[in-house]
Amino acid sequence: MTGSAKAEGAWRTIGEVAAEIGLPQHRLRYWETRFPQLKPLQRGGQRRYYRPEDVELVRRIDRLLNREGYTIAGVQKLLASERRTPRSEVVDQRAQLRLIRDRLRRALAT
């Protein structure tokens, strides 16, 4: 689990994501306009719900911009180039990573 009371795979509101990552909510909303890959689900009243993969993308964008020195244009180009990866390859990589994660959890639990 993360620092919040929600399960690891639970969807989070913009406020929860902002608090967890240490960013203001307005910056997340701005990034949604700059990075088409970042598309949280919006419900009634424009309430945003971030999936776990959205949260990971926010973390990555934050790291690239604020720690590694990328510009917004640089991050846009990087993310756009990665989008060209075939979807089946991405799904396969995720499956492999989940398998590794599960093996590590079992190993650490013993």
PDB file of N, CA and C in Angstrom:
ATOM      1  N   MET A   1       0.828  -1.190   0.000  1.00  0.00           N
ATOM      2  CA  MET A   1       0.000   0.000   0.000  1.00  0.00           C
ATOM      3  C   MET A   1       0.864   1.241   0.000  1.00  0.00           C
ATOM      4  N   THR A   2       0.291   2.304  -0.515  1.00  0.00           N
ATOM      5  CA  THR A   2       0.999   3.578  -0.484  1.00  0.00           C
ATOM      6  C   THR A   2       0.746   4.243   0.853  1.00  0.00           C
ATOM      7  N   GLY A   3       1.122   5.513   0.967  1.00  0.00           N
ATOM      8  CA  GLY A   3       0.956   6.233   2.210  1.00  0.00           C
ATOM      9  C   GLY A   3      -0.502   6.478   2.568  1.00  0.00           C
ATOM     10  N   SER A   4      -1.394   6.380   1.593  1.00  0.00           N
ATOM     11  CA  SER A   4      -2.800   6.617   1.878  1.00  0.00           C
ATOM     12  C   SER A   4      -3.457   5.321   2.332  1.00  0.00           C
ATOM     13  N   ALA A   5      -4.731   5.420   2.747  1.00  0.00           N
ATOM     14  CA  ALA A   5      -5.452   4.261   3.233  1.00  0.00           C
ATOM     15  C   ALA A   5      -6.004   3.406   2.099  1.00  0.00           C
ATOM     16  N   LYS A   6      -5.895   3.860   0.864  1.00  0.00           N
ATOM     17  CA  LYS A   6      -6.433   3.120  -0.274  1.00  0.00           C
ATOM     18  C   LYS A   6      -5.493   2.002  -0.687  1.00  0.00           C
ATOM     19  N   ALA A   7      -6.083   0.998  -1.306  1.00  0.00           N
ATOM     20  CA  ALA A   7      -5.288  -0.111  -1.832  1.00  0.00           C
ATOM     21  C   ALA A   7      -4.399   0.385  -2.964  1.00  0.00           C
ATOM     22  N   GLU A   8      -3.355  -0.371  -3.252  1.00  0.00           N
ATOM     23  CA  GLU A   8      -2.379   0.030  -4.258  1.00  0.00           C
ATOM     24  C   GLU A   8      -3.017   0.255  -5.628  1.00  0.00           C
ATOM     25  N   GLY A   9      -3.965  -0.550  -6.034  1.00  0.00           N
ATOM     26  CA  GLY A   9      -4.576  -0.436  -7.348  1.00  0.00           C
ATOM     27  C   GLY A   9      -5.802   0.460  -7.410  1.00  0.00           C
ATOM     28  N   ALA A  10      -6.137   1.126  -6.316  1.00  0.00           N
ATOM     29  CA  ALA A  10      -7.347   1.958  -6.273  1.00  0.00           C
ATOM     30  C   ALA A  10      -7.168   3.240  -7.081  1.00  0.00           C
ATOM     31  N   TRP A  11      -8.266   3.719  -7.600  1.00  0.00           N
ATOM     32  CA  TRP A  11      -8.248   4.992  -8.316  1.00  0.00           C
ATOM     33  C   TRP A  11      -8.173   6.109  -7.285  1.00  0.00           C
ATOM     34  N   ARG A  12      -7.529   7.204  -7.642  1.00  0.00           N
ATOM     35  CA  ARG A  12      -7.343   8.319  -6.709  1.00  0.00           C
ATOM     36  C   ARG A  12      -7.891   9.611  -7.303  1.00  0.00           C
ATOM     37  N   THR A  13      -8.310  10.490  -6.425  1.00  0.00           N
ATOM     38  CA  THR A  13      -8.766  11.807  -6.864  1.00  0.00           C
ATOM     39  C   THR A  13      -7.547  12.685  -7.125  1.00  0.00           C
ATOM     40  N   ILE A  14      -7.777  13.811  -7.765  1.00  0.00           N
ATOM     41  CA  ILE A  14      -6.667  14.718  -8.068  1.00  0.00           C
ATOM     42  C   ILE A  14      -6.020  15.220  -6.771  1.00  0.00           C
ATOM     43  N   GLY A  15      -6.822  15.434  -5.748  1.00  0.00           N
ATOM     44  CA  GLY A  15      -6.282  15.881  -4.465  1.00  0.00           C
ATOM     45  C   GLY A  15      -5.383  14.837  -3.829  1.00  0.00           C
ATOM     46  N   GLU A  16      -5.785  13.572  -3.918  1.00  0.00           N
ATOM     47  CA  GLU A  16      -4.977  12.492  -3.359  1.00  0.00           C
ATOM     48  C   GLU A  16      -3.656  12.343  -4.115  1.00  0.00           C
ATOM     49  N   VAL A  17      -3.723  12.435  -5.433  1.00  0.00           N
ATOM     50  CA  VAL A  17      -2.504  12.326  -6.242  1.00  0.00           C
ATOM     51  C   VAL A  17      -1.578  13.505  -5.950  1.00  0.00           C
ATOM     52  N   ALA A  18      -2.140  14.696  -5.917  1.00  0.00           N
ATOM     53  CA  ALA A  18      -1.336  15.893  -5.654  1.00  0.00           C
ATOM     54  C   ALA A  18      -0.630  15.786  -4.299  1.00  0.00           C
ATOM     55  N   ALA A  19      -1.362  15.343  -3.283  1.00  0.00           N
ATOM     56  CA  ALA A  19      -0.774  15.215  -1.947  1.00  0.00           C
ATOM     57  C   ALA A  19       0.295  14.122  -1.917  1.00  0.00           C
ATOM     58  N   GLU A  20       0.021  13.005  -2.570  1.00  0.00           N
ATOM     59  CA  GLU A  20       0.950  11.882  -2.574  1.00  0.00           C
ATOM     60  C   GLU A  20       2.271  12.233  -3.257  1.00  0.00           C
ATOM     61  N   ILE A  21       2.199  12.996  -4.340  1.00  0.00           N
ATOM     62  CA  ILE A  21       3.393  13.319  -5.116  1.00  0.00           C
ATOM     63  C   ILE A  21       4.019  14.645  -4.670  1.00  0.00           C
ATOM     64  N   GLY A  22       3.242  15.475  -4.002  1.00  0.00           N
ATOM     65  CA  GLY A  22       3.770  16.748  -3.532  1.00  0.00           C
ATOM     66  C   GLY A  22       3.694  17.853  -4.563  1.00  0.00           C
ATOM     67  N   LEU A  23       2.649  17.826  -5.375  1.00  0.00           N
ATOM     68  CA  LEU A  23       2.440  18.845  -6.397  1.00  0.00           C
ATOM     69  C   LEU A  23       1.100  19.527  -6.180  1.00  0.00           C
ATOM     70  N   PRO A  24       0.973  20.792  -6.602  1.00  0.00           N
ATOM     71  CA  PRO A  24      -0.340  21.440  -6.511  1.00  0.00           C
ATOM     72  C   PRO A  24      -1.294  20.866  -7.569  1.00  0.00           C
ATOM     73  N   GLN A  25      -2.573  20.866  -7.254  1.00  0.00           N
ATOM     74  CA  GLN A  25      -3.573  20.323  -8.164  1.00  0.00           C
ATOM     75  C   GLN A  25      -3.582  21.045  -9.502  1.00  0.00           C
ATOM     76  N   HIS A  26      -3.365  22.350  -9.481  1.00  0.00           N
ATOM     77  CA  HIS A  26      -3.409  23.092 -10.745  1.00  0.00           C
ATOM     78  C   HIS A  26      -2.315  22.635 -11.713  1.00  0.00           C
ATOM     79  N   ARG A  27      -1.195  22.178 -11.173  1.00  0.00           N
ATOM     80  CA  ARG A  27      -0.130  21.691 -12.052  1.00  0.00           C
ATOM     81  C   ARG A  27      -0.557  20.391 -12.732  1.00  0.00           C
ATOM     82  N   LEU A  28      -1.249  19.523 -12.017  1.00  0.00           N
ATOM     83  CA  LEU A  28      -1.743  18.290 -12.633  1.00  0.00           C
ATOM     84  C   LEU A  28      -2.756  18.608 -13.735  1.00  0.00           C
ATOM     85  N   ARG A  29      -3.635  19.569 -13.471  1.00  0.00           N
ATOM     86  CA  ARG A  29      -4.610  19.953 -14.497  1.00  0.00           C
ATOM     87  C   ARG A  29      -3.900  20.549 -15.714  1.00  0.00           C
ATOM     88  N   TYR A  30      -2.853  21.335 -15.480  1.00  0.00           N
ATOM     89  CA  TYR A  30      -2.080  21.903 -16.583  1.00  0.00           C
ATOM     90  C   TYR A  30      -1.410  20.794 -17.390  1.00  0.00           C
ATOM     91  N   TRP A  31      -0.806  19.833 -16.705  1.00  0.00           N
ATOM     92  CA  TRP A  31      -0.147  18.742 -17.404  1.00  0.00           C
ATOM     93  C   TRP A  31      -1.134  17.956 -18.258  1.00  0.00           C
ATOM     94  N   GLU A  32      -2.377  17.857 -17.826  1.00  0.00           N
ATOM     95  CA  GLU A  32      -3.388  17.168 -18.629  1.00  0.00           C
ATOM     96  C   GLU A  32      -3.577  17.868 -19.981  1.00  0.00           C
ATOM     97  N   THR A  33      -3.372  19.190 -20.015  1.00  0.00           N
ATOM     98  CA  THR A  33      -3.508  19.924 -21.283  1.00  0.00           C
ATOM     99  C   THR A  33      -2.265  19.786 -22.152  1.00  0.00           C
ATOM    100  N   ARG A  34      -1.129  19.438 -21.570  1.00  0.00           N
ATOM    101  CA  ARG A  34       0.127  19.365 -22.300  1.00  0.00           C
ATOM    102  C   ARG A  34       0.524  17.949 -22.706  1.00  0.00           C
ATOM    103  N   PHE A  35       0.032  16.962 -21.988  1.00  0.00           N
ATOM    104  CA  PHE A  35       0.414  15.580 -22.239  1.00  0.00           C
ATOM    105  C   PHE A  35      -0.837  14.754 -22.523  1.00  0.00           C
ATOM    106  N   PRO A  36      -1.101  14.465 -23.790  1.00  0.00           N
ATOM    107  CA  PRO A  36      -2.329  13.736 -24.129  1.00  0.00           C
ATOM    108  C   PRO A  36      -2.382  12.330 -23.533  1.00  0.00           C
ATOM    109  N   GLN A  37      -1.250  11.801 -23.131  1.00  0.00           N
ATOM    110  CA  GLN A  37      -1.223  10.479 -22.509  1.00  0.00           C
ATOM    111  C   GLN A  37      -1.852  10.498 -21.114  1.00  0.00           C
ATOM    112  N   LEU A  38      -1.891  11.658 -20.499  1.00  0.00           N
ATOM    113  CA  LEU A  38      -2.428  11.798 -19.140  1.00  0.00           C
ATOM    114  C   LEU A  38      -3.909  12.160 -19.238  1.00  0.00           C
ATOM    115  N   LYS A  39      -4.752  11.156 -19.090  1.00  0.00           N
ATOM    116  CA  LYS A  39      -6.194  11.351 -19.234  1.00  0.00           C
ATOM    117  C   LYS A  39      -6.944  10.659 -18.105  1.00  0.00           C
ATOM    118  N   PRO A  40      -7.027  11.282 -16.952  1.00  0.00           N
ATOM    119  CA  PRO A  40      -7.801  10.653 -15.884  1.00  0.00           C
ATOM    120  C   PRO A  40      -9.284  10.640 -16.248  1.00  0.00           C
ATOM    121  N   LEU A  41      -9.996   9.702 -15.674  1.00  0.00           N
ATOM    122  CA  LEU A  41     -11.429   9.625 -15.891  1.00  0.00           C
ATOM    123  C   LEU A  41     -12.088  10.829 -15.225  1.00  0.00           C
ATOM    124  N   GLN A  42     -13.020  11.471 -15.934  1.00  0.00           N
ATOM    125  CA  GLN A  42     -13.738  12.607 -15.335  1.00  0.00           C
ATOM    126  C   GLN A  42     -15.199  12.233 -15.167  1.00  0.00           C
ATOM    127  N   ARG A  43     -15.692  12.365 -13.962  1.00  0.00           N
ATOM    128  CA  ARG A  43     -17.086  12.078 -13.636  1.00  0.00           C
ATOM    129  C   ARG A  43     -17.842  13.383 -13.499  1.00  0.00           C
ATOM    130  N   GLY A  44     -19.079  13.277 -13.053  1.00  0.00           N
ATOM    131  CA  GLY A  44     -19.913  14.456 -12.872  1.00  0.00           C
ATOM    132  C   GLY A  44     -19.225  15.528 -12.053  1.00  0.00           C
ATOM    133  N   GLY A  45     -19.461  16.764 -12.429  1.00  0.00           N
ATOM    134  CA  GLY A  45     -18.827  17.875 -11.721  1.00  0.00           C
ATOM    135  C   GLY A  45     -17.348  17.992 -12.043  1.00  0.00           C
ATOM    136  N   GLN A  46     -16.917  17.347 -13.134  1.00  0.00           N
ATOM    137  CA  GLN A  46     -15.512  17.382 -13.566  1.00  0.00           C
ATOM    138  C   GLN A  46     -14.553  16.796 -12.530  1.00  0.00           C
ATOM    139  N   ARG A  47     -15.039  15.927 -11.665  1.00  0.00           N
ATOM    140  CA  ARG A  47     -14.172  15.279 -10.674  1.00  0.00           C
ATOM    141  C   ARG A  47     -13.281  14.266 -11.382  1.00  0.00           C
ATOM    142  N   ARG A  48     -11.984  14.355 -11.159  1.00  0.00           N
ATOM    143  CA  ARG A  48     -11.014  13.505 -11.837  1.00  0.00           C
ATOM    144  C   ARG A  48     -10.660  12.302 -10.974  1.00  0.00           C
ATOM    145  N   TYR A  49     -10.545  11.157 -11.641  1.00  0.00           N
ATOM    146  CA  TYR A  49     -10.104   9.929 -10.982  1.00  0.00           C
ATOM    147  C   TYR A  49      -8.907   9.379 -11.751  1.00  0.00           C
ATOM    148  N   TYR A  50      -7.793   9.275 -11.065  1.00  0.00           N
ATOM    149  CA  TYR A  50      -6.551   8.809 -11.669  1.00  0.00           C
ATOM    150  C   TYR A  50      -6.385   7.313 -11.431  1.00  0.00           C
ATOM    151  N   ARG A  51      -6.170   6.583 -12.514  1.00  0.00           N
ATOM    152  CA  ARG A  51      -5.873   5.151 -12.433  1.00  0.00           C
ATOM    153  C   ARG A  51      -4.429   5.002 -11.955  1.00  0.00           C
ATOM    154  N   PRO A  52      -4.052   3.822 -11.487  1.00  0.00           N
ATOM    155  CA  PRO A  52      -2.654   3.629 -11.060  1.00  0.00           C
ATOM    156  C   PRO A  52      -1.648   3.975 -12.152  1.00  0.00           C
ATOM    157  N   GLU A  53      -1.969   3.659 -13.413  1.00  0.00           N
ATOM    158  CA  GLU A  53      -1.030   3.990 -14.497  1.00  0.00           C
ATOM    159  C   GLU A  53      -0.955   5.496 -14.731  1.00  0.00           C
ATOM    160  N   ASP A  54      -2.054   6.218 -14.455  1.00  0.00           N
ATOM    161  CA  ASP A  54      -2.010   7.685 -14.538  1.00  0.00           C
ATOM    162  C   ASP A  54      -1.079   8.249 -13.465  1.00  0.00           C
ATOM    163  N   VAL A  55      -1.169   7.682 -12.264  1.00  0.00           N
ATOM    164  CA  VAL A  55      -0.326   8.145 -11.153  1.00  0.00           C
ATOM    165  C   VAL A  55       1.147   7.900 -11.493  1.00  0.00           C
ATOM    166  N   GLU A  56       1.444   6.740 -12.061  1.00  0.00           N
ATOM    167  CA  GLU A  56       2.824   6.450 -12.457  1.00  0.00           C
ATOM    168  C   GLU A  56       3.304   7.427 -13.530  1.00  0.00           C
ATOM    169  N   LEU A  57       2.427   7.776 -14.464  1.00  0.00           N
ATOM    170  CA  LEU A  57       2.799   8.747 -15.498  1.00  0.00           C
ATOM    171  C   LEU A  57       3.061  10.117 -14.883  1.00  0.00           C
ATOM    172  N   VAL A  58       2.243  10.522 -13.926  1.00  0.00           N
ATOM    173  CA  VAL A  58       2.463  11.799 -13.240  1.00  0.00           C
ATOM    174  C   VAL A  58       3.814  11.784 -12.539  1.00  0.00           C
ATOM    175  N   ARG A  59       4.117  10.680 -11.870  1.00  0.00           N
ATOM    176  CA  ARG A  59       5.422  10.568 -11.197  1.00  0.00           C
ATOM    177  C   ARG A  59       6.566  10.695 -12.210  1.00  0.00           C
ATOM    178  N   ARG A  60       6.382  10.046 -13.340  1.00  0.00           N
ATOM    179  CA  ARG A  60       7.434  10.082 -14.355  1.00  0.00           C
ATOM    180  C   ARG A  60       7.593  11.485 -14.937  1.00  0.00           C
ATOM    181  N   ILE A  61       6.498  12.136 -15.259  1.00  0.00           N
ATOM    182  CA  ILE A  61       6.564  13.503 -15.783  1.00  0.00           C
ATOM    183  C   ILE A  61       7.237  14.417 -14.770  1.00  0.00           C
ATOM    184  N   ASP A  62       6.867  14.278 -13.509  1.00  0.00           N
ATOM    185  CA  ASP A  62       7.466  15.082 -12.445  1.00  0.00           C
ATOM    186  C   ASP A  62       8.975  14.837 -12.379  1.00  0.00           C
ATOM    187  N   ARG A  63       9.374  13.580 -12.435  1.00  0.00           N
ATOM    188  CA  ARG A  63      10.805  13.263 -12.378  1.00  0.00           C
ATOM    189  C   ARG A  63      11.551  13.853 -13.568  1.00  0.00           C
ATOM    190  N   LEU A  64      10.990  13.697 -14.764  1.00  0.00           N
ATOM    191  CA  LEU A  64      11.660  14.210 -15.959  1.00  0.00           C
ATOM    192  C   LEU A  64      11.782  15.734 -15.935  1.00  0.00           C
ATOM    193  N   LEU A  65      10.708  16.398 -15.532  1.00  0.00           N
ATOM    194  CA  LEU A  65      10.718  17.865 -15.536  1.00  0.00           C
ATOM    195  C   LEU A  65      11.516  18.453 -14.379  1.00  0.00           C
ATOM    196  N   ASN A  66      11.300  17.933 -13.193  1.00  0.00           N
ATOM    197  CA  ASN A  66      11.821  18.586 -11.995  1.00  0.00           C
ATOM    198  C   ASN A  66      13.124  18.007 -11.452  1.00  0.00           C
ATOM    199  N   ARG A  67      13.506  16.826 -11.904  1.00  0.00           N
ATOM    200  CA  ARG A  67      14.746  16.247 -11.406  1.00  0.00           C
ATOM    201  C   ARG A  67      15.778  16.039 -12.513  1.00  0.00           C
ATOM    202  N   GLU A  68      15.290  15.677 -13.708  1.00  0.00           N
ATOM    203  CA  GLU A  68      16.224  15.379 -14.794  1.00  0.00           C
ATOM    204  C   GLU A  68      16.415  16.542 -15.760  1.00  0.00           C
ATOM    205  N   GLY A  69      15.671  17.624 -15.566  1.00  0.00           N
ATOM    206  CA  GLY A  69      15.906  18.830 -16.338  1.00  0.00           C
ATOM    207  C   GLY A  69      15.293  18.892 -17.723  1.00  0.00           C
ATOM    208  N   TYR A  70      14.373  18.000 -18.024  1.00  0.00           N
ATOM    209  CA  TYR A  70      13.695  18.066 -19.324  1.00  0.00           C
ATOM    210  C   TYR A  70      12.797  19.294 -19.379  1.00  0.00           C
ATOM    211  N   THR A  71      12.548  19.765 -20.586  1.00  0.00           N
ATOM    212  CA  THR A  71      11.544  20.807 -20.800  1.00  0.00           C
ATOM    213  C   THR A  71      10.216  20.103 -21.086  1.00  0.00           C
ATOM    214  N   ILE A  72       9.127  20.861 -21.067  1.00  0.00           N
ATOM    215  CA  ILE A  72       7.829  20.268 -21.400  1.00  0.00           C
ATOM    216  C   ILE A  72       7.878  19.702 -22.815  1.00  0.00           C
ATOM    217  N   ALA A  73       8.460  20.454 -23.750  1.00  0.00           N
ATOM    218  CA  ALA A  73       8.564  19.967 -25.127  1.00  0.00           C
ATOM    219  C   ALA A  73       9.385  18.678 -25.194  1.00  0.00           C
ATOM    220  N   GLY A  74      10.436  18.600 -24.407  1.00  0.00           N
ATOM    221  CA  GLY A  74      11.264  17.397 -24.385  1.00  0.00           C
ATOM    222  C   GLY A  74      10.511  16.183 -23.870  1.00  0.00           C
ATOM    223  N   VAL A  75       9.740  16.384 -22.811  1.00  0.00           N
ATOM    224  CA  VAL A  75       8.949  15.279 -22.267  1.00  0.00           C
ATOM    225  C   VAL A  75       7.857  14.879 -23.267  1.00  0.00           C
ATOM    226  N   GLN A  76       7.250  15.865 -23.924  1.00  0.00           N
ATOM    227  CA  GLN A  76       6.235  15.559 -24.935  1.00  0.00           C
ATOM    228  C   GLN A  76       6.822  14.684 -26.037  1.00  0.00           C
ATOM    229  N   LYS A  77       8.014  15.034 -26.524  1.00  0.00           N
ATOM    230  CA  LYS A  77       8.657  14.253 -27.583  1.00  0.00           C
ATOM    231  C   LYS A  77       8.987  12.845 -27.102  1.00  0.00           C
ATOM    232  N   LEU A  78       9.492  12.756 -25.886  1.00  0.00           N
ATOM    233  CA  LEU A  78       9.840  11.454 -25.328  1.00  0.00           C
ATOM    234  C   LEU A  78       8.605  10.559 -25.221  1.00  0.00           C
ATOM    235  N   LEU A  79       7.539  11.097 -24.655  1.00  0.00           N
ATOM    236  CA  LEU A  79       6.313  10.309 -24.489  1.00  0.00           C
ATOM    237  C   LEU A  79       5.689   9.963 -25.836  1.00  0.00           C
ATOM    238  N   ALA A  80       5.743  10.891 -26.787  1.00  0.00           N
ATOM    239  CA  ALA A  80       5.184  10.629 -28.114  1.00  0.00           C
ATOM    240  C   ALA A  80       5.957   9.521 -28.823  1.00  0.00           C
ATOM    241  N   SER A  81       7.264   9.497 -28.660  1.00  0.00           N
ATOM    242  CA  SER A  81       8.062   8.452 -29.308  1.00  0.00           C
ATOM    243  C   SER A  81       7.761   7.084 -28.702  1.00  0.00           C
ATOM    244  N   GLU A  82       7.492   7.053 -27.417  1.00  0.00           N
ATOM    245  CA  GLU A  82       7.165   5.798 -26.749  1.00  0.00           C
ATOM    246  C   GLU A  82       5.781   5.299 -27.139  1.00  0.00           C
ATOM    247  N   ARG A  83       4.904   6.206 -27.500  1.00  0.00           N
ATOM    248  CA  ARG A  83       3.555   5.814 -27.897  1.00  0.00           C
ATOM    249  C   ARG A  83       3.565   4.965 -29.148  1.00  0.00           C
ATOM    250  N   ARG A  84       4.617   5.044 -29.886  1.00  0.00           N
ATOM    251  CA  ARG A  84       4.702   4.279 -31.128  1.00  0.00           C
ATOM    252  C   ARG A  84       5.020   2.811 -30.884  1.00  0.00           C
ATOM    253  N   THR A  85       5.326   2.456 -29.636  1.00  0.00           N
ATOM    254  CA  THR A  85       5.588   1.070 -29.295  1.00  0.00           C
ATOM    255  C   THR A  85       4.298   0.274 -29.480  1.00  0.00           C
ATOM    256  N   PRO A  86       4.355  -0.858 -30.167  1.00  0.00           N
ATOM    257  CA  PRO A  86       3.138  -1.650 -30.358  1.00  0.00           C
ATOM    258  C   PRO A  86       2.493  -2.016 -29.034  1.00  0.00           C
ATOM    259  N   ARG A  87       1.190  -1.907 -28.994  1.00  0.00           N
ATOM    260  CA  ARG A  87       0.433  -2.153 -27.762  1.00  0.00           C
ATOM    261  C   ARG A  87       0.680  -3.561 -27.222  1.00  0.00           C
ATOM    262  N   SER A  88       0.764  -4.546 -28.097  1.00  0.00           N
ATOM    263  CA  SER A  88       0.979  -5.918 -27.649  1.00  0.00           C
ATOM    264  C   SER A  88       2.320  -6.057 -26.935  1.00  0.00           C
ATOM    265  N   GLU A  89       3.323  -5.301 -27.376  1.00  0.00           N
ATOM    266  CA  GLU A  89       4.630  -5.339 -26.730  1.00  0.00           C
ATOM    267  C   GLU A  89       4.562  -4.736 -25.334  1.00  0.00           C
ATOM    268  N   VAL A  90       3.821  -3.647 -25.175  1.00  0.00           N
ATOM    269  CA  VAL A  90       3.661  -2.999 -23.874  1.00  0.00           C
ATOM    270  C   VAL A  90       2.934  -3.935 -22.919  1.00  0.00           C
ATOM    271  N   VAL A  91       1.865  -4.567 -23.391  1.00  0.00           N
ATOM    272  CA  VAL A  91       1.096  -5.493 -22.554  1.00  0.00           C
ATOM    273  C   VAL A  91       1.981  -6.652 -22.127  1.00  0.00           C
ATOM    274  N   ASP A  92       2.796  -7.178 -23.066  1.00  0.00           N
ATOM    275  CA  ASP A  92       3.696  -8.279 -22.754  1.00  0.00           C
ATOM    276  C   ASP A  92       4.713  -7.857 -21.695  1.00  0.00           C
ATOM    277  N   GLN A  93       5.266  -6.655 -21.813  1.00  0.00           N
ATOM    278  CA  GLN A  93       6.232  -6.168 -20.830  1.00  0.00           C
ATOM    279  C   GLN A  93       5.579  -6.028 -19.464  1.00  0.00           C
ATOM    280  N   ARG A  94       4.358  -5.522 -19.427  1.00  0.00           N
ATOM    281  CA  ARG A  94       3.651  -5.392 -18.144  1.00  0.00           C
ATOM    282  C   ARG A  94       3.423  -6.750 -17.506  1.00  0.00           C
ATOM    283  N   ALA A  95       3.050  -7.741 -18.308  1.00  0.00           N
ATOM    284  CA  ALA A  95       2.836  -9.082 -17.786  1.00  0.00           C
ATOM    285  C   ALA A  95       4.134  -9.636 -17.198  1.00  0.00           C
ATOM    286  N   GLN A  96       5.240  -9.418 -17.885  1.00  0.00           N
ATOM    287  CA  GLN A  96       6.532  -9.883 -17.386  1.00  0.00           C
ATOM    288  C   GLN A  96       6.897  -9.182 -16.082  1.00  0.00           C
ATOM    289  N   LEU A  97       6.651  -7.882 -16.010  1.00  0.00           N
ATOM    290  CA  LEU A  97       6.961  -7.136 -14.788  1.00  0.00           C
ATOM    291  C   LEU A  97       6.083  -7.587 -13.627  1.00  0.00           C
ATOM    292  N   ARG A  98       4.808  -7.856 -13.889  1.00  0.00           N
ATOM    293  CA  ARG A  98       3.921  -8.359 -12.827  1.00  0.00           C
ATOM    294  C   ARG A  98       4.405  -9.706 -12.313  1.00  0.00           C
ATOM    295  N   LEU A  99       4.855 -10.569 -13.215  1.00  0.00           N
ATOM    296  CA  LEU A  99       5.374 -11.870 -12.820  1.00  0.00           C
ATOM    297  C   LEU A  99       6.599 -11.702 -11.926  1.00  0.00           C
ATOM    298  N   ILE A 100       7.505 -10.823 -12.311  1.00  0.00           N
ATOM    299  CA  ILE A 100       8.696 -10.555 -11.498  1.00  0.00           C
ATOM    300  C   ILE A 100       8.294 -10.004 -10.136  1.00  0.00           C
ATOM    301  N   ARG A 101       7.345  -9.038 -10.134  1.00  0.00           N
ATOM    302  CA  ARG A 101       6.888  -8.449  -8.873  1.00  0.00           C
ATOM    303  C   ARG A 101       6.296  -9.518  -7.961  1.00  0.00           C
ATOM    304  N   ASP A 102       5.466 -10.397  -8.512  1.00  0.00           N
ATOM    305  CA  ASP A 102       4.837 -11.440  -7.705  1.00  0.00           C
ATOM    306  C   ASP A 102       5.885 -12.402  -7.128  1.00  0.00           C
ATOM    307  N   ARG A 103       6.876 -12.731  -7.925  1.00  0.00           N
ATOM    308  CA  ARG A 103       7.951 -13.620  -7.434  1.00  0.00           C
ATOM    309  C   ARG A 103       8.730 -12.959  -6.304  1.00  0.00           C
ATOM    310  N   LEU A 104       8.999 -11.661  -6.469  1.00  0.00           N
ATOM    311  CA  LEU A 104       9.714 -10.932  -5.418  1.00  0.00           C
ATOM    312  C   LEU A 104       8.900 -10.868  -4.122  1.00  0.00           C
ATOM    313  N   ARG A 105       7.606 -10.622  -4.258  1.00  0.00           N
ATOM    314  CA  ARG A 105       6.746 -10.583  -3.065  1.00  0.00           C
ATOM    315  C   ARG A 105       6.769 -11.913  -2.337  1.00  0.00           C
ATOM    316  N   ARG A 106       6.650 -13.004  -3.101  1.00  0.00           N
ATOM    317  CA  ARG A 106       6.673 -14.339  -2.478  1.00  0.00           C
ATOM    318  C   ARG A 106       8.018 -14.584  -1.801  1.00  0.00           C
ATOM    319  N   ALA A 107       9.098 -14.196  -2.459  1.00  0.00           N
ATOM    320  CA  ALA A 107      10.421 -14.403  -1.897  1.00  0.00           C
ATOM    321  C   ALA A 107      10.618 -13.597  -0.619  1.00  0.00           C
ATOM    322  N   LEU A 108      10.110 -12.379  -0.602  1.00  0.00           N
ATOM    323  CA  LEU A 108      10.265 -11.529   0.574  1.00  0.00           C
ATOM    324  C   LEU A 108       9.334 -11.950   1.713  1.00  0.00           C
ATOM    325  N   ALA A 109       8.247 -12.590   1.389  1.00  0.00           N
ATOM    326  CA  ALA A 109       7.276 -13.018   2.403  1.00  0.00           C
ATOM    327  C   ALA A 109       7.770 -14.228   3.191  1.00  0.00           C
ATOM    328  N   THR A 110       8.731 -14.953   2.639  1.00  0.00           N
ATOM    329  CA  THR A 110       9.204 -16.154   3.332  1.00  0.00           C
ATOM    330  C   THR A 110      10.346 -15.872   4.249  1.00  0.00           C
TER     331      THR A 110
END
